[in-house]
Amino acid sequence: MDKDLLIFGLTMAEFEDISLKVCFTALILYMLFIIGNLVKESKAGKYGAIWMFIGLGLGFVGFVAKGFIQRWLGIE
């Protein structure tokens, strides 16, 4: 039995890495869409929209920053 499982021609680790990046990117884009919809529905104005994006979008900033820090330090 082969010790490296292949999924779509990728090893399990490569598949998980690509899936994580693609799925989290899609999730973040969907969350931005939801925040934008909240801004539109609440008629928050420009200043309110900025604070809604900062306040509600701060949760995924750490994930994005982690990717940049790993690339900057050459860990990935």
PDB file of N, CA and C in Angstrom:
ATOM      1  N   MET A   1       0.838  -1.179   0.000  1.00  0.00           N
ATOM      2  CA  MET A   1       0.000   0.000   0.000  1.00  0.00           C
ATOM      3  C   MET A   1       0.883   1.243   0.000  1.00  0.00           C
ATOM      4  N   ASP A   2       0.518   2.197  -0.808  1.00  0.00           N
ATOM      5  CA  ASP A   2       1.288   3.426  -0.923  1.00  0.00           C
ATOM      6  C   ASP A   2       1.110   4.264   0.336  1.00  0.00           C
ATOM      7  N   LYS A   3       2.223   4.774   0.880  1.00  0.00           N
ATOM      8  CA  LYS A   3       2.119   5.529   2.134  1.00  0.00           C
ATOM      9  C   LYS A   3       1.555   6.933   1.934  1.00  0.00           C
ATOM     10  N   ASP A   4       1.661   7.494   0.717  1.00  0.00           N
ATOM     11  CA  ASP A   4       1.094   8.813   0.420  1.00  0.00           C
ATOM     12  C   ASP A   4      -0.198   8.632  -0.362  1.00  0.00           C
ATOM     13  N   LEU A   5      -1.310   8.987   0.266  1.00  0.00           N
ATOM     14  CA  LEU A   5      -2.581   8.921  -0.423  1.00  0.00           C
ATOM     15  C   LEU A   5      -2.655  10.037  -1.448  1.00  0.00           C
ATOM     16  N   LEU A   6      -3.183   9.737  -2.615  1.00  0.00           N
ATOM     17  CA  LEU A   6      -3.299  10.738  -3.662  1.00  0.00           C
ATOM     18  C   LEU A   6      -4.761  11.110  -3.866  1.00  0.00           C
ATOM     19  N   ILE A   7      -5.020  12.406  -3.884  1.00  0.00           N
ATOM     20  CA  ILE A   7      -6.340  12.939  -4.179  1.00  0.00           C
ATOM     21  C   ILE A   7      -6.163  13.926  -5.322  1.00  0.00           C
ATOM     22  N   PHE A   8      -6.769  13.621  -6.456  1.00  0.00           N
ATOM     23  CA  PHE A   8      -6.644  14.453  -7.652  1.00  0.00           C
ATOM     24  C   PHE A   8      -5.175  14.654  -8.032  1.00  0.00           C
ATOM     25  N   GLY A   9      -4.352  13.656  -7.822  1.00  0.00           N
ATOM     26  CA  GLY A   9      -2.937  13.735  -8.163  1.00  0.00           C
ATOM     27  C   GLY A   9      -2.089  14.485  -7.155  1.00  0.00           C
ATOM     28  N   LEU A  10      -2.656  14.838  -6.026  1.00  0.00           N
ATOM     29  CA  LEU A  10      -1.924  15.563  -4.983  1.00  0.00           C
ATOM     30  C   LEU A  10      -1.804  14.674  -3.753  1.00  0.00           C
ATOM     31  N   THR A  11      -0.773  14.905  -2.982  1.00  0.00           N
ATOM     32  CA  THR A  11      -0.689  14.206  -1.701  1.00  0.00           C
ATOM     33  C   THR A  11      -1.725  14.805  -0.761  1.00  0.00           C
ATOM     34  N   MET A  12      -1.963  14.117   0.320  1.00  0.00           N
ATOM     35  CA  MET A  12      -2.974  14.573   1.275  1.00  0.00           C
ATOM     36  C   MET A  12      -2.615  15.954   1.838  1.00  0.00           C
ATOM     37  N   ALA A  13      -1.345  16.193   2.143  1.00  0.00           N
ATOM     38  CA  ALA A  13      -0.920  17.482   2.700  1.00  0.00           C
ATOM     39  C   ALA A  13      -1.100  18.607   1.686  1.00  0.00           C
ATOM     40  N   GLU A  14      -0.760  18.361   0.427  1.00  0.00           N
ATOM     41  CA  GLU A  14      -0.929  19.387  -0.608  1.00  0.00           C
ATOM     42  C   GLU A  14      -2.405  19.706  -0.823  1.00  0.00           C
ATOM     43  N   PHE A  15      -3.236  18.656  -0.846  1.00  0.00           N
ATOM     44  CA  PHE A  15      -4.674  18.853  -1.026  1.00  0.00           C
ATOM     45  C   PHE A  15      -5.274  19.647   0.126  1.00  0.00           C
ATOM     46  N   GLU A  16      -4.882  19.332   1.359  1.00  0.00           N
ATOM     47  CA  GLU A  16      -5.392  20.054   2.526  1.00  0.00           C
ATOM     48  C   GLU A  16      -4.966  21.508   2.506  1.00  0.00           C
ATOM     49  N   ASP A  17      -3.720  21.767   2.097  1.00  0.00           N
ATOM     50  CA  ASP A  17      -3.215  23.138   2.048  1.00  0.00           C
ATOM     51  C   ASP A  17      -3.986  23.964   1.030  1.00  0.00           C
ATOM     52  N   ILE A  18      -4.186  23.417  -0.159  1.00  0.00           N
ATOM     53  CA  ILE A  18      -4.922  24.133  -1.202  1.00  0.00           C
ATOM     54  C   ILE A  18      -6.382  24.315  -0.794  1.00  0.00           C
ATOM     55  N   SER A  19      -6.987  23.271  -0.249  1.00  0.00           N
ATOM     56  CA  SER A  19      -8.394  23.350   0.163  1.00  0.00           C
ATOM     57  C   SER A  19      -8.595  24.400   1.251  1.00  0.00           C
ATOM     58  N   LEU A  20      -7.681  24.454   2.209  1.00  0.00           N
ATOM     59  CA  LEU A  20      -7.782  25.429   3.289  1.00  0.00           C
ATOM     60  C   LEU A  20      -7.744  26.845   2.734  1.00  0.00           C
ATOM     61  N   LYS A  21      -6.806  27.110   1.842  1.00  0.00           N
ATOM     62  CA  LYS A  21      -6.683  28.458   1.296  1.00  0.00           C
ATOM     63  C   LYS A  21      -7.886  28.831   0.441  1.00  0.00           C
ATOM     64  N   VAL A  22      -8.347  27.914  -0.391  1.00  0.00           N
ATOM     65  CA  VAL A  22      -9.473  28.211  -1.281  1.00  0.00           C
ATOM     66  C   VAL A  22     -10.759  28.395  -0.473  1.00  0.00           C
ATOM     67  N   CYS A  23     -11.026  27.480   0.448  1.00  0.00           N
ATOM     68  CA  CYS A  23     -12.278  27.544   1.217  1.00  0.00           C
ATOM     69  C   CYS A  23     -12.308  28.746   2.161  1.00  0.00           C
ATOM     70  N   PHE A  24     -11.199  29.049   2.812  1.00  0.00           N
ATOM     71  CA  PHE A  24     -11.185  30.212   3.706  1.00  0.00           C
ATOM     72  C   PHE A  24     -11.278  31.513   2.916  1.00  0.00           C
ATOM     73  N   THR A  25     -10.664  31.549   1.730  1.00  0.00           N
ATOM     74  CA  THR A  25     -10.789  32.737   0.892  1.00  0.00           C
ATOM     75  C   THR A  25     -12.238  32.945   0.490  1.00  0.00           C
ATOM     76  N   ALA A  26     -12.907  31.866   0.098  1.00  0.00           N
ATOM     77  CA  ALA A  26     -14.320  31.962  -0.264  1.00  0.00           C
ATOM     78  C   ALA A  26     -15.157  32.393   0.942  1.00  0.00           C
ATOM     79  N   LEU A  27     -14.848  31.867   2.109  1.00  0.00           N
ATOM     80  CA  LEU A  27     -15.584  32.231   3.321  1.00  0.00           C
ATOM     81  C   LEU A  27     -15.384  33.708   3.661  1.00  0.00           C
ATOM     82  N   ILE A  28     -14.173  34.197   3.533  1.00  0.00           N
ATOM     83  CA  ILE A  28     -13.888  35.602   3.820  1.00  0.00           C
ATOM     84  C   ILE A  28     -14.620  36.505   2.831  1.00  0.00           C
ATOM     85  N   LEU A  29     -14.618  36.135   1.554  1.00  0.00           N
ATOM     86  CA  LEU A  29     -15.337  36.932   0.564  1.00  0.00           C
ATOM     87  C   LEU A  29     -16.832  36.933   0.835  1.00  0.00           C
ATOM     88  N   TYR A  30     -17.374  35.798   1.256  1.00  0.00           N
ATOM     89  CA  TYR A  30     -18.791  35.722   1.596  1.00  0.00           C
ATOM     90  C   TYR A  30     -19.094  36.586   2.828  1.00  0.00           C
ATOM     91  N   MET A  31     -18.192  36.579   3.807  1.00  0.00           N
ATOM     92  CA  MET A  31     -18.390  37.418   4.993  1.00  0.00           C
ATOM     93  C   MET A  31     -18.349  38.901   4.625  1.00  0.00           C
ATOM     94  N   LEU A  32     -17.479  39.285   3.697  1.00  0.00           N
ATOM     95  CA  LEU A  32     -17.453  40.676   3.234  1.00  0.00           C
ATOM     96  C   LEU A  32     -18.753  41.039   2.534  1.00  0.00           C
ATOM     97  N   PHE A  33     -19.295  40.108   1.765  1.00  0.00           N
ATOM     98  CA  PHE A  33     -20.583  40.334   1.122  1.00  0.00           C
ATOM     99  C   PHE A  33     -21.686  40.545   2.166  1.00  0.00           C
ATOM    100  N   ILE A  34     -21.678  39.721   3.210  1.00  0.00           N
ATOM    101  CA  ILE A  34     -22.685  39.842   4.268  1.00  0.00           C
ATOM    102  C   ILE A  34     -22.555  41.183   4.984  1.00  0.00           C
ATOM    103  N   ILE A  35     -21.335  41.604   5.282  1.00  0.00           N
ATOM    104  CA  ILE A  35     -21.128  42.896   5.946  1.00  0.00           C
ATOM    105  C   ILE A  35     -21.605  44.027   5.040  1.00  0.00           C
ATOM    106  N   GLY A  36     -21.294  43.937   3.745  1.00  0.00           N
ATOM    107  CA  GLY A  36     -21.765  44.951   2.802  1.00  0.00           C
ATOM    108  C   GLY A  36     -23.281  45.003   2.726  1.00  0.00           C
ATOM    109  N   ASN A  37     -23.909  43.838   2.788  1.00  0.00           N
ATOM    110  CA  ASN A  37     -25.369  43.794   2.783  1.00  0.00           C
ATOM    111  C   ASN A  37     -25.939  44.420   4.059  1.00  0.00           C
ATOM    112  N   LEU A  38     -25.286  44.181   5.200  1.00  0.00           N
ATOM    113  CA  LEU A  38     -25.714  44.815   6.457  1.00  0.00           C
ATOM    114  C   LEU A  38     -25.602  46.327   6.386  1.00  0.00           C
ATOM    115  N   VAL A  39     -24.528  46.809   5.770  1.00  0.00           N
ATOM    116  CA  VAL A  39     -24.333  48.254   5.622  1.00  0.00           C
ATOM    117  C   VAL A  39     -25.461  48.836   4.778  1.00  0.00           C
ATOM    118  N   LYS A  40     -25.772  48.153   3.688  1.00  0.00           N
ATOM    119  CA  LYS A  40     -26.817  48.656   2.788  1.00  0.00           C
ATOM    120  C   LYS A  40     -28.197  48.623   3.453  1.00  0.00           C
ATOM    121  N   GLU A  41     -28.496  47.537   4.141  1.00  0.00           N
ATOM    122  CA  GLU A  41     -29.816  47.403   4.779  1.00  0.00           C
ATOM    123  C   GLU A  41     -30.005  48.385   5.941  1.00  0.00           C
ATOM    124  N   SER A  42     -28.924  48.681   6.663  1.00  0.00           N
ATOM    125  CA  SER A  42     -29.047  49.573   7.813  1.00  0.00           C
ATOM    126  C   SER A  42     -28.905  51.043   7.439  1.00  0.00           C
ATOM    127  N   LYS A  43     -28.527  51.324   6.196  1.00  0.00           N
ATOM    128  CA  LYS A  43     -28.317  52.700   5.730  1.00  0.00           C
ATOM    129  C   LYS A  43     -27.361  53.434   6.666  1.00  0.00           C
ATOM    130  N   ALA A  44     -26.212  52.793   6.904  1.00  0.00           N
ATOM    131  CA  ALA A  44     -25.269  53.277   7.898  1.00  0.00           C
ATOM    132  C   ALA A  44     -24.519  54.537   7.466  1.00  0.00           C
ATOM    133  N   GLY A  45     -24.419  54.811   6.202  1.00  0.00           N
ATOM    134  CA  GLY A  45     -23.629  55.950   5.753  1.00  0.00           C
ATOM    135  C   GLY A  45     -22.163  55.559   5.610  1.00  0.00           C
ATOM    136  N   LYS A  46     -21.361  56.508   5.168  1.00  0.00           N
ATOM    137  CA  LYS A  46     -19.953  56.205   4.904  1.00  0.00           C
ATOM    138  C   LYS A  46     -19.177  55.903   6.186  1.00  0.00           C
ATOM    139  N   TYR A  47     -19.368  56.730   7.196  1.00  0.00           N
ATOM    140  CA  TYR A  47     -18.648  56.553   8.459  1.00  0.00           C
ATOM    141  C   TYR A  47     -19.082  55.264   9.163  1.00  0.00           C
ATOM    142  N   GLY A  48     -20.360  54.998   9.170  1.00  0.00           N
ATOM    143  CA  GLY A  48     -20.867  53.774   9.779  1.00  0.00           C
ATOM    144  C   GLY A  48     -20.406  52.539   9.030  1.00  0.00           C
ATOM    145  N   ALA A  49     -20.336  52.628   7.705  1.00  0.00           N
ATOM    146  CA  ALA A  49     -19.879  51.499   6.899  1.00  0.00           C
ATOM    147  C   ALA A  49     -18.425  51.170   7.208  1.00  0.00           C
ATOM    148  N   ILE A  50     -17.611  52.199   7.357  1.00  0.00           N
ATOM    149  CA  ILE A  50     -16.199  51.970   7.681  1.00  0.00           C
ATOM    150  C   ILE A  50     -16.085  51.232   9.018  1.00  0.00           C
ATOM    151  N   TRP A  51     -16.838  51.669  10.013  1.00  0.00           N
ATOM    152  CA  TRP A  51     -16.762  51.027  11.333  1.00  0.00           C
ATOM    153  C   TRP A  51     -17.350  49.617  11.322  1.00  0.00           C
ATOM    154  N   MET A  52     -18.359  49.395  10.505  1.00  0.00           N
ATOM    155  CA  MET A  52     -18.908  48.040  10.414  1.00  0.00           C
ATOM    156  C   MET A  52     -17.894  47.089   9.775  1.00  0.00           C
ATOM    157  N   PHE A  53     -17.220  47.545   8.723  1.00  0.00           N
ATOM    158  CA  PHE A  53     -16.210  46.692   8.095  1.00  0.00           C
ATOM    159  C   PHE A  53     -15.026  46.458   9.028  1.00  0.00           C
ATOM    160  N   ILE A  54     -14.630  47.483   9.783  1.00  0.00           N
ATOM    161  CA  ILE A  54     -13.522  47.308  10.730  1.00  0.00           C
ATOM    162  C   ILE A  54     -13.932  46.383  11.865  1.00  0.00           C
ATOM    163  N   GLY A  55     -15.072  46.654  12.467  1.00  0.00           N
ATOM    164  CA  GLY A  55     -15.505  45.883  13.628  1.00  0.00           C
ATOM    165  C   GLY A  55     -15.853  44.441  13.309  1.00  0.00           C
ATOM    166  N   LEU A  56     -16.609  44.238  12.245  1.00  0.00           N
ATOM    167  CA  LEU A  56     -17.030  42.886  11.906  1.00  0.00           C
ATOM    168  C   LEU A  56     -15.971  42.123  11.109  1.00  0.00           C
ATOM    169  N   GLY A  57     -15.129  42.844  10.395  1.00  0.00           N
ATOM    170  CA  GLY A  57     -14.112  42.190   9.580  1.00  0.00           C
ATOM    171  C   GLY A  57     -12.804  41.929  10.299  1.00  0.00           C
ATOM    172  N   LEU A  58     -12.698  42.386  11.524  1.00  0.00           N
ATOM    173  CA  LEU A  58     -11.445  42.215  12.261  1.00  0.00           C
ATOM    174  C   LEU A  58     -11.163  40.753  12.578  1.00  0.00           C
ATOM    175  N   GLY A  59     -12.198  39.927  12.580  1.00  0.00           N
ATOM    176  CA  GLY A  59     -12.021  38.516  12.923  1.00  0.00           C
ATOM    177  C   GLY A  59     -11.152  37.748  11.958  1.00  0.00           C
ATOM    178  N   PHE A  60     -11.214  38.042  10.676  1.00  0.00           N
ATOM    179  CA  PHE A  60     -10.410  37.288   9.713  1.00  0.00           C
ATOM    180  C   PHE A  60      -9.122  37.995   9.325  1.00  0.00           C
ATOM    181  N   VAL A  61      -8.864  39.140   9.877  1.00  0.00           N
ATOM    182  CA  VAL A  61      -7.614  39.842   9.581  1.00  0.00           C
ATOM    183  C   VAL A  61      -6.418  39.043  10.100  1.00  0.00           C
ATOM    184  N   GLY A  62      -6.571  38.389  11.225  1.00  0.00           N
ATOM    185  CA  GLY A  62      -5.489  37.569  11.778  1.00  0.00           C
ATOM    186  C   GLY A  62      -5.103  36.427  10.870  1.00  0.00           C
ATOM    187  N   PHE A  63      -6.094  35.780  10.243  1.00  0.00           N
ATOM    188  CA  PHE A  63      -5.796  34.686   9.325  1.00  0.00           C
ATOM    189  C   PHE A  63      -5.023  35.183   8.111  1.00  0.00           C
ATOM    190  N   VAL A  64      -5.440  36.307   7.564  1.00  0.00           N
ATOM    191  CA  VAL A  64      -4.753  36.869   6.408  1.00  0.00           C
ATOM    192  C   VAL A  64      -3.342  37.315   6.795  1.00  0.00           C
ATOM    193  N   ALA A  65      -3.211  37.932   7.966  1.00  0.00           N
ATOM    194  CA  ALA A  65      -1.894  38.387   8.430  1.00  0.00           C
ATOM    195  C   ALA A  65      -0.956  37.215   8.662  1.00  0.00           C
ATOM    196  N   LYS A  66      -1.489  36.094   9.139  1.00  0.00           N
ATOM    197  CA  LYS A  66      -0.662  34.908   9.360  1.00  0.00           C
ATOM    198  C   LYS A  66      -0.009  34.438   8.070  1.00  0.00           C
ATOM    199  N   GLY A  67      -0.752  34.447   6.986  1.00  0.00           N
ATOM    200  CA  GLY A  67      -0.209  34.050   5.689  1.00  0.00           C
ATOM    201  C   GLY A  67       0.908  34.968   5.231  1.00  0.00           C
ATOM    202  N   PHE A  68       0.706  36.286   5.406  1.00  0.00           N
ATOM    203  CA  PHE A  68       1.748  37.247   5.013  1.00  0.00           C
ATOM    204  C   PHE A  68       2.996  37.102   5.886  1.00  0.00           C
ATOM    205  N   ILE A  69       2.807  36.897   7.171  1.00  0.00           N
ATOM    206  CA  ILE A  69       3.952  36.756   8.081  1.00  0.00           C
ATOM    207  C   ILE A  69       4.738  35.488   7.766  1.00  0.00           C
ATOM    208  N   GLN A  70       4.039  34.390   7.484  1.00  0.00           N
ATOM    209  CA  GLN A  70       4.725  33.151   7.127  1.00  0.00           C
ATOM    210  C   GLN A  70       5.535  33.324   5.850  1.00  0.00           C
ATOM    211  N   ARG A  71       4.961  33.985   4.866  1.00  0.00           N
ATOM    212  CA  ARG A  71       5.686  34.194   3.607  1.00  0.00           C
ATOM    213  C   ARG A  71       6.869  35.126   3.811  1.00  0.00           C
ATOM    214  N   TRP A  72       6.698  36.170   4.644  1.00  0.00           N
ATOM    215  CA  TRP A  72       7.762  37.130   4.894  1.00  0.00           C
ATOM    216  C   TRP A  72       8.934  36.472   5.614  1.00  0.00           C
ATOM    217  N   LEU A  73       8.630  35.581   6.577  1.00  0.00           N
ATOM    218  CA  LEU A  73       9.685  34.903   7.320  1.00  0.00           C
ATOM    219  C   LEU A  73      10.231  33.677   6.592  1.00  0.00           C
ATOM    220  N   GLY A  74       9.593  33.290   5.499  1.00  0.00           N
ATOM    221  CA  GLY A  74      10.055  32.136   4.729  1.00  0.00           C
ATOM    222  C   GLY A  74       9.710  30.809   5.386  1.00  0.00           C
ATOM    223  N   ILE A  75       8.687  30.777   6.207  1.00  0.00           N
ATOM    224  CA  ILE A  75       8.300  29.557   6.898  1.00  0.00           C
ATOM    225  C   ILE A  75       7.546  28.614   5.969  1.00  0.00           C
ATOM    226  N   GLU A  76       6.756  29.157   5.086  1.00  0.00           N
ATOM    227  CA  GLU A  76       5.897  28.340   4.226  1.00  0.00           C
ATOM    228  C   GLU A  76       6.650  27.720   3.093  1.00  0.00           C
TER     229      GLU A  76
END
